[in-house]
Structure formats: structure tokens, C-alpha cells
PDB file of all heavy atoms in Angstrom:
ATOM      1  N   ASP A   1      98.597  27.818  20.810  1.00  0.00           N
ATOM      2  CA  ASP A   1      97.672  26.743  21.358  1.00  0.00           C
ATOM      3  C   ASP A   1      98.398  25.495  21.644  1.00  0.00           C
ATOM      4  O   ASP A   1      97.772  24.494  22.140  1.00  0.00           O
ATOM      5  CB  ASP A   1      96.537  26.489  20.364  1.00  0.00           C
ATOM      6  CG  ASP A   1      95.568  27.694  20.335  1.00  0.00           C
ATOM      7  OD1 ASP A   1      95.450  28.396  21.309  1.00  0.00           O
ATOM      8  OD2 ASP A   1      94.839  27.838  19.333  1.00  0.00           O
ATOM      9  N   GLY A   2      99.653  25.311  21.339  1.00  0.00           N
ATOM     10  CA  GLY A   2     100.424  24.143  21.578  1.00  0.00           C
ATOM     11  C   GLY A   2     101.244  24.204  22.789  1.00  0.00           C
ATOM     12  O   GLY A   2     101.287  25.253  23.522  1.00  0.00           O
ATOM     13  N   THR A   3     101.965  23.154  23.107  1.00  0.00           N
ATOM     14  CA  THR A   3     102.924  23.139  24.203  1.00  0.00           C
ATOM     15  C   THR A   3     104.320  22.784  23.799  1.00  0.00           C
ATOM     16  O   THR A   3     105.133  22.368  24.668  1.00  0.00           O
ATOM     17  CB  THR A   3     102.426  22.145  25.316  1.00  0.00           C
ATOM     18  OG1 THR A   3     102.118  20.868  24.674  1.00  0.00           O
ATOM     19  CG2 THR A   3     101.138  22.615  25.962  1.00  0.00           C
ATOM     20  N   ALA A   4     104.625  22.865  22.539  1.00  0.00           N
ATOM     21  CA  ALA A   4     106.008  22.518  22.110  1.00  0.00           C
ATOM     22  C   ALA A   4     107.019  23.402  22.817  1.00  0.00           C
ATOM     23  O   ALA A   4     106.917  24.644  22.799  1.00  0.00           O
ATOM     24  CB  ALA A   4     106.098  22.787  20.572  1.00  0.00           C
ATOM     25  N   SER A   5     107.962  22.738  23.445  1.00  0.00           N
ATOM     26  CA  SER A   5     109.065  23.392  24.100  1.00  0.00           C
ATOM     27  C   SER A   5     110.313  22.777  23.633  1.00  0.00           C
ATOM     28  O   SER A   5     110.393  21.642  23.236  1.00  0.00           O
ATOM     29  CB  SER A   5     108.965  23.241  25.664  1.00  0.00           C
ATOM     30  OG  SER A   5     107.747  23.800  26.126  1.00  0.00           O
ATOM     31  N   PRO A   6     111.499  23.495  23.694  1.00  0.00           N
ATOM     32  CA  PRO A   6     112.729  22.883  23.260  1.00  0.00           C
ATOM     33  C   PRO A   6     113.136  21.667  24.094  1.00  0.00           C
ATOM     34  O   PRO A   6     112.910  21.725  25.338  1.00  0.00           O
ATOM     35  CB  PRO A   6     113.735  23.940  23.381  1.00  0.00           C
ATOM     36  CG  PRO A   6     112.990  25.261  23.493  1.00  0.00           C
ATOM     37  CD  PRO A   6     111.632  24.859  24.120  1.00  0.00           C
ATOM     38  N   THR A   7     113.526  20.580  23.474  1.00  0.00           N
ATOM     39  CA  THR A   7     114.105  19.458  24.175  1.00  0.00           C
ATOM     40  C   THR A   7     115.592  19.422  23.767  1.00  0.00           C
ATOM     41  O   THR A   7     115.918  19.558  22.664  1.00  0.00           O
ATOM     42  CB  THR A   7     113.410  18.173  23.827  1.00  0.00           C
ATOM     43  OG1 THR A   7     112.077  18.139  24.241  1.00  0.00           O
ATOM     44  CG2 THR A   7     114.185  16.929  24.437  1.00  0.00           C
ATOM     45  N   VAL A   8     116.456  19.292  24.765  1.00  0.00           N
ATOM     46  CA  VAL A   8     117.930  19.359  24.493  1.00  0.00           C
ATOM     47  C   VAL A   8     118.579  17.959  24.789  1.00  0.00           C
ATOM     48  O   VAL A   8     118.344  17.401  25.883  1.00  0.00           O
ATOM     49  CB  VAL A   8     118.615  20.435  25.324  1.00  0.00           C
ATOM     50  CG1 VAL A   8     120.131  20.495  25.005  1.00  0.00           C
ATOM     51  CG2 VAL A   8     117.930  21.771  25.061  1.00  0.00           C
ATOM     52  N   GLY A   9     119.245  17.382  23.808  1.00  0.00           N
ATOM     53  CA  GLY A   9     119.912  16.165  23.947  1.00  0.00           C
ATOM     54  C   GLY A   9     121.200  16.216  24.759  1.00  0.00           C
ATOM     55  O   GLY A   9     121.750  17.317  24.979  1.00  0.00           O
ATOM     56  N   SER A  10     121.743  15.067  25.142  1.00  0.00           N
ATOM     57  CA  SER A  10     122.973  15.043  25.921  1.00  0.00           C
ATOM     58  C   SER A  10     124.178  15.643  25.135  1.00  0.00           C
ATOM     59  O   SER A  10     125.148  16.039  25.756  1.00  0.00           O
ATOM     60  CB  SER A  10     123.318  13.627  26.351  1.00  0.00           C
ATOM     61  OG  SER A  10     123.371  12.763  25.208  1.00  0.00           O
ATOM     62  N   ASP A  11     124.092  15.665  23.819  1.00  0.00           N
ATOM     63  CA  ASP A  11     125.164  16.227  22.971  1.00  0.00           C
ATOM     64  C   ASP A  11     124.914  17.719  22.708  1.00  0.00           C
ATOM     65  O   ASP A  11     125.683  18.319  21.968  1.00  0.00           O
ATOM     66  CB  ASP A  11     125.297  15.475  21.659  1.00  0.00           C
ATOM     67  CG  ASP A  11     123.943  15.417  20.874  1.00  0.00           C
ATOM     68  OD1 ASP A  11     122.930  15.979  21.377  1.00  0.00           O
ATOM     69  OD2 ASP A  11     123.942  14.866  19.759  1.00  0.00           O
ATOM     70  N   GLY A  12     123.873  18.270  23.277  1.00  0.00           N
ATOM     71  CA  GLY A  12     123.578  19.673  23.116  1.00  0.00           C
ATOM     72  C   GLY A  12     122.647  20.018  21.947  1.00  0.00           C
ATOM     73  O   GLY A  12     122.305  21.162  21.772  1.00  0.00           O
ATOM     74  N   ASP A  13     122.257  19.002  21.154  1.00  0.00           N
ATOM     75  CA  ASP A  13     121.335  19.255  20.039  1.00  0.00           C
ATOM     76  C   ASP A  13     119.954  19.710  20.580  1.00  0.00           C
ATOM     77  O   ASP A  13     119.593  19.213  21.633  1.00  0.00           O
ATOM     78  CB  ASP A  13     121.196  18.001  19.142  1.00  0.00           C
ATOM     79  CG  ASP A  13     122.345  17.808  18.188  1.00  0.00           C
ATOM     80  OD1 ASP A  13     123.339  18.551  18.363  1.00  0.00           O
ATOM     81  OD2 ASP A  13     122.287  16.906  17.396  1.00  0.00           O
ATOM     82  N   VAL A  14     119.307  20.569  19.843  1.00  0.00           N
ATOM     83  CA  VAL A  14     118.013  21.092  20.223  1.00  0.00           C
ATOM     84  C   VAL A  14     116.957  20.698  19.248  1.00  0.00           C
ATOM     85  O   VAL A  14     117.092  20.789  18.039  1.00  0.00           O
ATOM     86  CB  VAL A  14     118.082  22.656  20.262  1.00  0.00           C
ATOM     87  CG1 VAL A  14     116.834  23.278  20.807  1.00  0.00           C
ATOM     88  CG2 VAL A  14     119.307  23.093  21.222  1.00  0.00           C
ATOM     89  N   PHE A  15     115.759  20.250  19.816  1.00  0.00           N
ATOM     90  CA  PHE A  15     114.626  19.793  18.997  1.00  0.00           C
ATOM     91  C   PHE A  15     113.432  20.676  19.393  1.00  0.00           C
ATOM     92  O   PHE A  15     113.177  20.880  20.544  1.00  0.00           O
ATOM     93  CB  PHE A  15     114.338  18.316  19.292  1.00  0.00           C
ATOM     94  CG  PHE A  15     115.513  17.444  19.026  1.00  0.00           C
ATOM     95  CD1 PHE A  15     116.403  17.125  20.068  1.00  0.00           C
ATOM     96  CD2 PHE A  15     115.721  16.849  17.787  1.00  0.00           C
ATOM     97  CE1 PHE A  15     117.508  16.319  19.837  1.00  0.00           C
ATOM     98  CE2 PHE A  15     116.816  16.060  17.547  1.00  0.00           C
ATOM     99  CZ  PHE A  15     117.719  15.714  18.569  1.00  0.00           C
ATOM    100  N   PHE A  16     112.738  21.109  18.341  1.00  0.00           N
ATOM    101  CA  PHE A  16     111.585  22.000  18.590  1.00  0.00           C
ATOM    102  C   PHE A  16     110.542  21.817  17.543  1.00  0.00           C
ATOM    103  O   PHE A  16     110.862  21.796  16.370  1.00  0.00           O
ATOM    104  CB  PHE A  16     112.051  23.483  18.643  1.00  0.00           C
ATOM    105  CG  PHE A  16     110.982  24.466  19.013  1.00  0.00           C
ATOM    106  CD1 PHE A  16     110.407  24.436  20.276  1.00  0.00           C
ATOM    107  CD2 PHE A  16     110.512  25.356  18.074  1.00  0.00           C
ATOM    108  CE1 PHE A  16     109.381  25.350  20.573  1.00  0.00           C
ATOM    109  CE2 PHE A  16     109.480  26.246  18.381  1.00  0.00           C
ATOM    110  CZ  PHE A  16     108.940  26.214  19.662  1.00  0.00           C
ATOM    111  N   GLY A  17     109.223  21.730  17.963  1.00  0.00           N
ATOM    112  CA  GLY A  17     108.172  21.514  17.040  1.00  0.00           C
ATOM    113  C   GLY A  17     107.450  22.713  16.588  1.00  0.00           C
ATOM    114  O   GLY A  17     107.205  23.678  17.391  1.00  0.00           O
ATOM    115  N   VAL A  18     107.109  22.771  15.335  1.00  0.00           N
ATOM    116  CA  VAL A  18     106.284  23.909  14.711  1.00  0.00           C
ATOM    117  C   VAL A  18     105.181  23.318  13.842  1.00  0.00           C
ATOM    118  O   VAL A  18     105.238  22.157  13.498  1.00  0.00           O
ATOM    119  CB  VAL A  18     107.236  24.803  13.873  1.00  0.00           C
ATOM    120  CG1 VAL A  18     108.296  25.497  14.768  1.00  0.00           C
ATOM    121  CG2 VAL A  18     107.905  24.038  12.777  1.00  0.00           C
ATOM    122  N   LEU A  19     104.255  24.155  13.446  1.00  0.00           N
ATOM    123  CA  LEU A  19     103.255  23.788  12.473  1.00  0.00           C
ATOM    124  C   LEU A  19     103.736  24.166  11.093  1.00  0.00           C
ATOM    125  O   LEU A  19     104.352  25.151  10.881  1.00  0.00           O
ATOM    126  CB  LEU A  19     101.951  24.411  12.816  1.00  0.00           C
ATOM    127  CG  LEU A  19     101.090  23.702  13.799  1.00  0.00           C
ATOM    128  CD1 LEU A  19      99.912  24.560  14.254  1.00  0.00           C
ATOM    129  CD2 LEU A  19     100.550  22.358  13.282  1.00  0.00           C
ATOM    130  N   GLU A  20     103.310  23.312  10.154  1.00  0.00           N
ATOM    131  CA  GLU A  20     103.815  23.421   8.750  1.00  0.00           C
ATOM    132  C   GLU A  20     103.173  24.611   7.982  1.00  0.00           C
ATOM    133  O   GLU A  20     102.043  25.055   8.371  1.00  0.00           O
ATOM    134  CB  GLU A  20     103.581  22.172   7.979  1.00  0.00           C
ATOM    135  CG  GLU A  20     102.107  21.872   7.598  1.00  0.00           C
ATOM    136  CD  GLU A  20     101.363  21.075   8.653  1.00  0.00           C
ATOM    137  OE1 GLU A  20     101.848  21.012   9.783  1.00  0.00           O
ATOM    138  OE2 GLU A  20     100.317  20.542   8.323  1.00  0.00           O
ATOM    139  N   GLN A  21     103.860  25.082   6.959  1.00  0.00           N
ATOM    140  CA  GLN A  21     103.315  26.017   6.025  1.00  0.00           C
ATOM    141  C   GLN A  21     103.658  25.487   4.571  1.00  0.00           C
ATOM    142  O   GLN A  21     104.760  25.046   4.436  1.00  0.00           O
ATOM    143  CB  GLN A  21     103.862  27.419   6.204  1.00  0.00           C
ATOM    144  CG  GLN A  21     103.476  28.112   7.506  1.00  0.00           C
ATOM    145  CD  GLN A  21     102.052  28.640   7.399  1.00  0.00           C
ATOM    146  OE1 GLN A  21     101.210  28.226   6.581  1.00  0.00           O
ATOM    147  NE2 GLN A  21     101.726  29.601   8.300  1.00  0.00           N
ATOM    148  N   PRO A  22     102.715  25.447   3.683  1.00  0.00           N
ATOM    149  CA  PRO A  22     101.325  25.898   3.775  1.00  0.00           C
ATOM    150  C   PRO A  22     100.561  25.137   4.824  1.00  0.00           C
ATOM    151  O   PRO A  22     100.803  23.974   5.147  1.00  0.00           O
ATOM    152  CB  PRO A  22     100.767  25.660   2.386  1.00  0.00           C
ATOM    153  CG  PRO A  22     101.938  25.521   1.523  1.00  0.00           C
ATOM    154  CD  PRO A  22     103.049  24.885   2.331  1.00  0.00           C
ATOM    155  N   TRP A  23      99.594  25.859   5.356  1.00  0.00           N
ATOM    156  CA  TRP A  23      98.803  25.348   6.477  1.00  0.00           C
ATOM    157  C   TRP A  23      98.072  24.068   6.107  1.00  0.00           C
ATOM    158  O   TRP A  23      97.399  23.923   5.094  1.00  0.00           O
ATOM    159  CB  TRP A  23      97.720  26.443   6.727  1.00  0.00           C
ATOM    160  CG  TRP A  23      96.858  26.201   7.957  1.00  0.00           C
ATOM    161  CD1 TRP A  23      95.542  26.053   7.961  1.00  0.00           C
ATOM    162  CD2 TRP A  23      97.267  26.285   9.317  1.00  0.00           C
ATOM    163  NE1 TRP A  23      95.109  25.961   9.235  1.00  0.00           N
ATOM    164  CE2 TRP A  23      96.090  26.106  10.097  1.00  0.00           C
ATOM    165  CE3 TRP A  23      98.499  26.472   9.955  1.00  0.00           C
ATOM    166  CZ2 TRP A  23      96.107  26.125  11.552  1.00  0.00           C
ATOM    167  CZ3 TRP A  23      98.546  26.467  11.321  1.00  0.00           C
ATOM    168  CH2 TRP A  23      97.346  26.286  12.115  1.00  0.00           C
ATOM    169  N   GLY A  24      98.322  22.968   6.843  1.00  0.00           N
ATOM    170  CA  GLY A  24      97.727  21.700   6.652  1.00  0.00           C
ATOM    171  C   GLY A  24      98.396  20.846   5.628  1.00  0.00           C
ATOM    172  O   GLY A  24      97.905  19.732   5.373  1.00  0.00           O
ATOM    173  N   ALA A  25      99.513  21.337   5.032  1.00  0.00           N
ATOM    174  CA  ALA A  25     100.204  20.548   4.000  1.00  0.00           C
ATOM    175  C   ALA A  25     100.766  19.131   4.534  1.00  0.00           C
ATOM    176  O   ALA A  25     100.932  18.238   3.749  1.00  0.00           O
ATOM    177  CB  ALA A  25     101.346  21.335   3.418  1.00  0.00           C
ATOM    178  N   ASN A  26     100.920  19.084   5.855  1.00  0.00           N
ATOM    179  CA  ASN A  26     101.403  17.817   6.420  1.00  0.00           C
ATOM    180  C   ASN A  26     100.427  17.209   7.400  1.00  0.00           C
ATOM    181  O   ASN A  26     100.717  16.657   8.435  1.00  0.00           O
ATOM    182  CB  ASN A  26     102.727  18.094   7.230  1.00  0.00           C
ATOM    183  CG  ASN A  26     103.464  16.823   7.512  1.00  0.00           C
ATOM    184  OD1 ASN A  26     103.429  15.847   6.786  1.00  0.00           O
ATOM    185  ND2 ASN A  26     104.156  16.786   8.701  1.00  0.00           N
ATOM    186  N   HIS A  27      99.089  17.403   6.999  1.00  0.00           N
ATOM    187  CA  HIS A  27      97.947  16.897   7.851  1.00  0.00           C
ATOM    188  C   HIS A  27      97.943  17.515   9.244  1.00  0.00           C
ATOM    189  O   HIS A  27      97.512  16.850  10.187  1.00  0.00           O
ATOM    190  CB  HIS A  27      98.018  15.381   7.922  1.00  0.00           C
ATOM    191  CG  HIS A  27      97.991  14.672   6.574  1.00  0.00           C
ATOM    192  ND1 HIS A  27      98.095  13.335   6.483  1.00  0.00           N
ATOM    193  CD2 HIS A  27      97.889  15.183   5.294  1.00  0.00           C
ATOM    194  CE1 HIS A  27      98.052  12.954   5.218  1.00  0.00           C
ATOM    195  NE2 HIS A  27      97.911  14.128   4.493  1.00  0.00           N
ATOM    196  N   PHE A  28      98.429  18.752   9.378  1.00  0.00           N
ATOM    197  CA  PHE A  28      98.517  19.446  10.660  1.00  0.00           C
ATOM    198  C   PHE A  28      99.385  18.679  11.651  1.00  0.00           C
ATOM    199  O   PHE A  28      99.184  18.771  12.884  1.00  0.00           O
ATOM    200  CB  PHE A  28      97.098  19.739  11.183  1.00  0.00           C
ATOM    201  CG  PHE A  28      96.324  20.665  10.328  1.00  0.00           C
ATOM    202  CD1 PHE A  28      95.348  20.155   9.476  1.00  0.00           C
ATOM    203  CD2 PHE A  28      96.593  22.016  10.408  1.00  0.00           C
ATOM    204  CE1 PHE A  28      94.610  21.043   8.695  1.00  0.00           C
ATOM    205  CE2 PHE A  28      95.865  22.836   9.550  1.00  0.00           C
ATOM    206  CZ  PHE A  28      94.886  22.448   8.658  1.00  0.00           C
ATOM    207  N   ARG A  29     100.305  17.901  11.165  1.00  0.00           N
ATOM    208  CA  ARG A  29     101.195  17.188  12.055  1.00  0.00           C
ATOM    209  C   ARG A  29     102.389  18.094  12.446  1.00  0.00           C
ATOM    210  O   ARG A  29     103.086  17.748  13.417  1.00  0.00           O
ATOM    211  CB  ARG A  29     101.750  15.908  11.404  1.00  0.00           C
ATOM    212  CG  ARG A  29     100.683  14.873  11.089  1.00  0.00           C
ATOM    213  CD  ARG A  29     101.270  13.611  10.512  1.00  0.00           C
ATOM    214  NE  ARG A  29     102.062  13.896   9.282  1.00  0.00           N
ATOM    215  CZ  ARG A  29     102.995  13.069   8.841  1.00  0.00           C
ATOM    216  NH1 ARG A  29     103.377  12.012   9.523  1.00  0.00           N
ATOM    217  NH2 ARG A  29     103.678  13.436   7.720  1.00  0.00           N
ATOM    218  N   GLY A  30     102.640  19.120  11.741  1.00  0.00           N
ATOM    219  CA  GLY A  30     103.767  19.990  12.006  1.00  0.00           C
ATOM    220  C   GLY A  30     105.082  19.368  11.615  1.00  0.00           C
ATOM    221  O   GLY A  30     105.115  18.290  10.863  1.00  0.00           O
ATOM    222  N   ARG A  31     106.158  19.915  12.039  1.00  0.00           N
ATOM    223  CA  ARG A  31     107.495  19.445  11.759  1.00  0.00           C
ATOM    224  C   ARG A  31     108.284  19.535  13.058  1.00  0.00           C
ATOM    225  O   ARG A  31     108.199  20.491  13.796  1.00  0.00           O
ATOM    226  CB  ARG A  31     108.270  20.275  10.703  1.00  0.00           C
ATOM    227  CG  ARG A  31     107.431  20.700   9.506  1.00  0.00           C
ATOM    228  CD  ARG A  31     107.357  19.563   8.474  1.00  0.00           C
ATOM    229  NE  ARG A  31     106.728  20.087   7.245  1.00  0.00           N
ATOM    230  CZ  ARG A  31     106.332  19.301   6.275  1.00  0.00           C
ATOM    231  NH1 ARG A  31     106.444  17.955   6.361  1.00  0.00           N
ATOM    232  NH2 ARG A  31     105.801  19.828   5.221  1.00  0.00           N
ATOM    233  N   LEU A  32     109.131  18.546  13.310  1.00  0.00           N
ATOM    234  CA  LEU A  32     110.067  18.570  14.442  1.00  0.00           C
ATOM    235  C   LEU A  32     111.368  19.001  13.946  1.00  0.00           C
ATOM    236  O   LEU A  32     112.084  18.281  13.289  1.00  0.00           O
ATOM    237  CB  LEU A  32     110.108  17.204  15.142  1.00  0.00           C
ATOM    238  CG  LEU A  32     111.098  17.126  16.335  1.00  0.00           C
ATOM    239  CD1 LEU A  32     110.640  18.062  17.447  1.00  0.00           C
ATOM    240  CD2 LEU A  32     111.192  15.742  16.874  1.00  0.00           C
ATOM    241  N   LEU A  33     111.813  20.234  14.278  1.00  0.00           N
ATOM    242  CA  LEU A  33     113.022  20.809  13.752  1.00  0.00           C
ATOM    243  C   LEU A  33     114.211  20.358  14.617  1.00  0.00           C
ATOM    244  O   LEU A  33     114.083  20.148  15.837  1.00  0.00           O
ATOM    245  CB  LEU A  33     112.983  22.302  13.708  1.00  0.00           C
ATOM    246  CG  LEU A  33     111.772  22.864  12.970  1.00  0.00           C
ATOM    247  CD1 LEU A  33     111.807  24.384  12.902  1.00  0.00           C
ATOM    248  CD2 LEU A  33     111.743  22.303  11.544  1.00  0.00           C
ATOM    249  N   HIS A  34     115.363  20.211  14.038  1.00  0.00           N
ATOM    250  CA  HIS A  34     116.577  19.736  14.691  1.00  0.00           C
ATOM    251  C   HIS A  34     117.752  20.685  14.450  1.00  0.00           C
ATOM    252  O   HIS A  34     118.046  21.033  13.301  1.00  0.00           O
ATOM    253  CB  HIS A  34     116.927  18.349  14.141  1.00  0.00           C
ATOM    254  CG  HIS A  34     118.079  17.644  14.689  1.00  0.00           C
ATOM    255  ND1 HIS A  34     118.609  16.502  14.167  1.00  0.00           N
ATOM    256  CD2 HIS A  34     118.905  17.962  15.802  1.00  0.00           C
ATOM    257  CE1 HIS A  34     119.671  16.131  14.928  1.00  0.00           C
ATOM    258  NE2 HIS A  34     119.876  16.986  15.873  1.00  0.00           N
ATOM    259  N   PHE A  35     118.358  21.117  15.568  1.00  0.00           N
ATOM    260  CA  PHE A  35     119.470  22.054  15.479  1.00  0.00           C
ATOM    261  C   PHE A  35     120.610  21.643  16.400  1.00  0.00           C
ATOM    262  O   PHE A  35     120.439  20.799  17.275  1.00  0.00           O
ATOM    263  CB  PHE A  35     119.046  23.445  15.973  1.00  0.00           C
ATOM    264  CG  PHE A  35     117.817  23.981  15.331  1.00  0.00           C
ATOM    265  CD1 PHE A  35     116.560  23.855  15.905  1.00  0.00           C
ATOM    266  CD2 PHE A  35     117.877  24.710  14.135  1.00  0.00           C
ATOM    267  CE1 PHE A  35     115.387  24.343  15.356  1.00  0.00           C
ATOM    268  CE2 PHE A  35     116.717  25.243  13.528  1.00  0.00           C
ATOM    269  CZ  PHE A  35     115.492  25.043  14.157  1.00  0.00           C
TER     270      PHE A  35
END
């Protein structure tokens, strides 16, 4: 139901958003992962 898509920085790092588990533990804000 979301539109999170990878964003790639000029240094090649990748950012991608997910929803947290346990469900709602972060007020349904999710997490922005960094690779």
C-alpha cells in the first residue's frame, strides 16, 4: 500500500523505507534503511 522505492545517492548508497515490526512499535512511521 506504500510507494517506497529505492533512492540512490551520488556515492552509490541505497536508501529504502519499510514498516516496523512489531507492528506499530514506531507509531507506524516505519524505518528508512541505509545500505
